[in-house]
C-alpha atoms as a PDB file:
ATOM      1  CA  UNK A   1     -11.730 -14.426  13.303  1.00  0.00           C
ATOM      2  CA  UNK A   2     -13.108 -11.847  10.875  1.00  0.00           C
ATOM      3  CA  UNK A   3     -10.426  -9.870   9.030  1.00  0.00           C
ATOM      4  CA  UNK A   4     -10.437  -6.124   9.283  1.00  0.00           C
ATOM      5  CA  UNK A   5     -11.315  -3.868   6.385  1.00  0.00           C
ATOM      6  CA  UNK A   6      -7.763  -2.532   6.152  1.00  0.00           C
ATOM      7  CA  UNK A   7      -6.355  -6.075   5.936  1.00  0.00           C
ATOM      8  CA  UNK A   8      -8.705  -6.976   3.109  1.00  0.00           C
ATOM      9  CA  UNK A   9      -8.264  -3.663   1.252  1.00  0.00           C
ATOM     10  CA  UNK A  10      -4.476  -3.825   1.474  1.00  0.00           C
ATOM     11  CA  UNK A  11      -4.456  -7.420   0.196  1.00  0.00           C
ATOM     12  CA  UNK A  12      -6.697  -6.537  -2.734  1.00  0.00           C
ATOM     13  CA  UNK A  13      -4.523  -3.492  -3.422  1.00  0.00           C
ATOM     14  CA  UNK A  14      -1.383  -5.664  -3.422  1.00  0.00           C
ATOM     15  CA  UNK A  15      -2.936  -7.988  -5.998  1.00  0.00           C
ATOM     16  CA  UNK A  16      -3.669  -5.026  -8.278  1.00  0.00           C
ATOM     17  CA  UNK A  17      -0.108  -3.759  -7.772  1.00  0.00           C
ATOM     18  CA  UNK A  18       1.196  -7.177  -8.850  1.00  0.00           C
ATOM     19  CA  UNK A  19      -0.942  -6.926 -11.990  1.00  0.00           C
ATOM     20  CA  UNK A  20       0.452  -3.448 -12.649  1.00  0.00           C
ATOM     21  CA  UNK A  21       3.986  -4.750 -12.151  1.00  0.00           C
ATOM     22  CA  UNK A  22       3.388  -7.498 -14.712  1.00  0.00           C
ATOM     23  CA  UNK A  23       2.023  -4.971 -17.183  1.00  0.00           C
ATOM     24  CA  UNK A  24       4.926  -2.542 -16.690  1.00  0.00           C
ATOM     25  CA  UNK A  25       7.562  -5.236 -16.750  1.00  0.00           C
ATOM     26  CA  UNK A  26       6.353  -7.415 -19.601  1.00  0.00           C
ATOM     27  CA  UNK A  27       4.303  -5.054 -21.799  1.00  0.00           C
ATOM     28  CA  UNK A  28       6.130  -1.751 -21.354  1.00  0.00           C
ATOM     29  CA  UNK A  29       9.588  -3.195 -20.591  1.00  0.00           C
ATOM     30  CA  UNK A  30       9.913  -0.792 -17.660  1.00  0.00           C
ATOM     31  CA  UNK A  31      12.058  -2.512 -15.033  1.00  0.00           C
ATOM     32  CA  UNK A  32      13.156   0.059 -12.447  1.00  0.00           C
ATOM     33  CA  UNK A  33       9.884   1.818 -11.600  1.00  0.00           C
ATOM     34  CA  UNK A  34       7.967  -1.446 -11.841  1.00  0.00           C
ATOM     35  CA  UNK A  35      10.180  -3.016  -9.179  1.00  0.00           C
ATOM     36  CA  UNK A  36       9.809   0.037  -6.913  1.00  0.00           C
ATOM     37  CA  UNK A  37       6.015  -0.013  -7.105  1.00  0.00           C
ATOM     38  CA  UNK A  38       5.969  -3.780  -6.537  1.00  0.00           C
ATOM     39  CA  UNK A  39       8.079  -3.532  -3.383  1.00  0.00           C
ATOM     40  CA  UNK A  40       6.298  -0.624  -1.743  1.00  0.00           C
ATOM     41  CA  UNK A  41       2.801  -1.580  -2.891  1.00  0.00           C
ATOM     42  CA  UNK A  42       2.963  -5.108  -1.514  1.00  0.00           C
ATOM     43  CA  UNK A  43       4.789  -4.061   1.647  1.00  0.00           C
ATOM     44  CA  UNK A  44       1.735  -2.121   2.837  1.00  0.00           C
ATOM     45  CA  UNK A  45      -0.346  -5.238   3.370  1.00  0.00           C
ATOM     46  CA  UNK A  46       2.572  -7.227   4.753  1.00  0.00           C
ATOM     47  CA  UNK A  47       3.138  -4.652   7.496  1.00  0.00           C
ATOM     48  CA  UNK A  48      -0.572  -4.388   8.256  1.00  0.00           C
ATOM     49  CA  UNK A  49      -0.706  -8.183   8.529  1.00  0.00           C
ATOM     50  CA  UNK A  50       2.269  -8.143  10.918  1.00  0.00           C
ATOM     51  CA  UNK A  51       0.487  -5.522  12.985  1.00  0.00           C
ATOM     52  CA  UNK A  52      -2.428  -7.902  13.435  1.00  0.00           C
ATOM     53  CA  UNK A  53      -0.130 -10.143  15.492  1.00  0.00           C
ATOM     54  CA  UNK A  54       1.577  -7.303  17.355  1.00  0.00           C
ATOM     55  CA  UNK A  55       3.020  -8.068  20.776  1.00  0.00           C
ATOM     56  CA  UNK A  56       1.865  -4.766  22.226  1.00  0.00           C
ATOM     57  CA  UNK A  57      -0.069  -1.621  21.354  1.00  0.00           C
ATOM     58  CA  UNK A  58       3.253   0.141  20.624  1.00  0.00           C
ATOM     59  CA  UNK A  59       4.272  -2.694  18.287  1.00  0.00           C
ATOM     60  CA  UNK A  60       0.872  -2.427  16.558  1.00  0.00           C
ATOM     61  CA  UNK A  61       1.367   1.322  16.079  1.00  0.00           C
ATOM     62  CA  UNK A  62       4.899   0.758  14.795  1.00  0.00           C
ATOM     63  CA  UNK A  63       3.878  -1.823  12.176  1.00  0.00           C
ATOM     64  CA  UNK A  64       0.993   0.324  10.965  1.00  0.00           C
ATOM     65  CA  UNK A  65       3.255   3.379  10.861  1.00  0.00           C
ATOM     66  CA  UNK A  66       5.616   1.477   8.580  1.00  0.00           C
ATOM     67  CA  UNK A  67       2.629   0.523   6.422  1.00  0.00           C
ATOM     68  CA  UNK A  68       1.653   4.207   6.288  1.00  0.00           C
ATOM     69  CA  UNK A  69       5.156   5.151   5.111  1.00  0.00           C
ATOM     70  CA  UNK A  70       4.966   2.477   2.423  1.00  0.00           C
ATOM     71  CA  UNK A  71       1.571   3.857   1.397  1.00  0.00           C
ATOM     72  CA  UNK A  72       3.060   7.308   0.947  1.00  0.00           C
ATOM     73  CA  UNK A  73       5.929   5.881  -1.097  1.00  0.00           C
ATOM     74  CA  UNK A  74       3.535   3.880  -3.261  1.00  0.00           C
ATOM     75  CA  UNK A  75       1.419   6.981  -3.827  1.00  0.00           C
ATOM     76  CA  UNK A  76       4.554   8.779  -5.026  1.00  0.00           C
ATOM     77  CA  UNK A  77       5.434   6.003  -7.502  1.00  0.00           C
ATOM     78  CA  UNK A  78       1.864   5.866  -8.798  1.00  0.00           C
ATOM     79  CA  UNK A  79       1.816   9.632  -9.404  1.00  0.00           C
ATOM     80  CA  UNK A  80       5.189   9.412 -11.113  1.00  0.00           C
ATOM     81  CA  UNK A  81       4.014   6.578 -13.347  1.00  0.00           C
ATOM     82  CA  UNK A  82       0.844   8.503 -14.194  1.00  0.00           C
ATOM     83  CA  UNK A  83       2.635  11.747 -15.008  1.00  0.00           C
ATOM     84  CA  UNK A  84       5.239   9.951 -17.124  1.00  0.00           C
ATOM     85  CA  UNK A  85       2.480   8.190 -19.114  1.00  0.00           C
ATOM     86  CA  UNK A  86       3.387   4.700 -17.901  1.00  0.00           C
ATOM     87  CA  UNK A  87       0.201   4.181 -15.876  1.00  0.00           C
ATOM     88  CA  UNK A  88      -2.639   2.987 -18.124  1.00  0.00           C
ATOM     89  CA  UNK A  89      -6.210   4.118 -17.489  1.00  0.00           C
ATOM     90  CA  UNK A  90      -7.112   0.679 -16.091  1.00  0.00           C
ATOM     91  CA  UNK A  91      -4.811   1.376 -13.147  1.00  0.00           C
ATOM     92  CA  UNK A  92      -5.530   5.063 -12.435  1.00  0.00           C
ATOM     93  CA  UNK A  93      -7.915   3.954  -9.670  1.00  0.00           C
ATOM     94  CA  UNK A  94      -4.924   2.655  -7.713  1.00  0.00           C
ATOM     95  CA  UNK A  95      -4.084   6.234  -6.801  1.00  0.00           C
ATOM     96  CA  UNK A  96      -7.393   6.757  -4.988  1.00  0.00           C
ATOM     97  CA  UNK A  97      -7.203   3.261  -3.452  1.00  0.00           C
ATOM     98  CA  UNK A  98      -3.763   4.135  -2.112  1.00  0.00           C
ATOM     99  CA  UNK A  99      -5.077   7.413  -0.733  1.00  0.00           C
ATOM    100  CA  UNK A 100      -7.943   5.548   0.949  1.00  0.00           C
ATOM    101  CA  UNK A 101      -5.451   3.173   2.605  1.00  0.00           C
ATOM    102  CA  UNK A 102      -3.452   6.191   3.779  1.00  0.00           C
ATOM    103  CA  UNK A 103      -6.536   7.721   5.389  1.00  0.00           C
ATOM    104  CA  UNK A 104      -7.540   4.471   7.081  1.00  0.00           C
ATOM    105  CA  UNK A 105      -4.031   3.881   8.419  1.00  0.00           C
ATOM    106  CA  UNK A 106      -3.759   7.455   9.669  1.00  0.00           C
ATOM    107  CA  UNK A 107      -7.023   7.018  11.548  1.00  0.00           C
ATOM    108  CA  UNK A 108      -5.946   3.651  13.012  1.00  0.00           C
ATOM    109  CA  UNK A 109      -2.639   5.070  14.191  1.00  0.00           C
ATOM    110  CA  UNK A 110      -4.173   8.204  15.724  1.00  0.00           C
ATOM    111  CA  UNK A 111      -6.859   6.204  17.543  1.00  0.00           C
ATOM    112  CA  UNK A 112      -4.289   3.706  18.812  1.00  0.00           C
ATOM    113  CA  UNK A 113      -1.995   6.469  20.051  1.00  0.00           C
ATOM    114  CA  UNK A 114      -4.872   8.112  21.907  1.00  0.00           C
ATOM    115  CA  UNK A 115      -5.634   4.803  23.646  1.00  0.00           C
ATOM    116  CA  UNK A 116      -2.081   4.306  24.879  1.00  0.00           C
END
């Protein structure tokens, strides 16, 4: 079965978040914010993946809604890291990637709710 775009994008995003976590934790010695961004940033893909095996349309919407909440939280942490000068230029693109995931998830949820 071919994976969806949102599954692949969220997985790729999670890998970049893990790289950011390593940088923050080991290079910058920032432990609190790095753990927050790791948890929320990897949770997006995990919830999307769970939604792929949903037991019902409502379950699918629920899992993707959780992923959307995690996306919003991750976006917050990324902005905070950027504005506090912890986010290096190599990782600034994560903000737009996160916003793209938010838009995709919003569309998926709205379409799924309309089809209920």
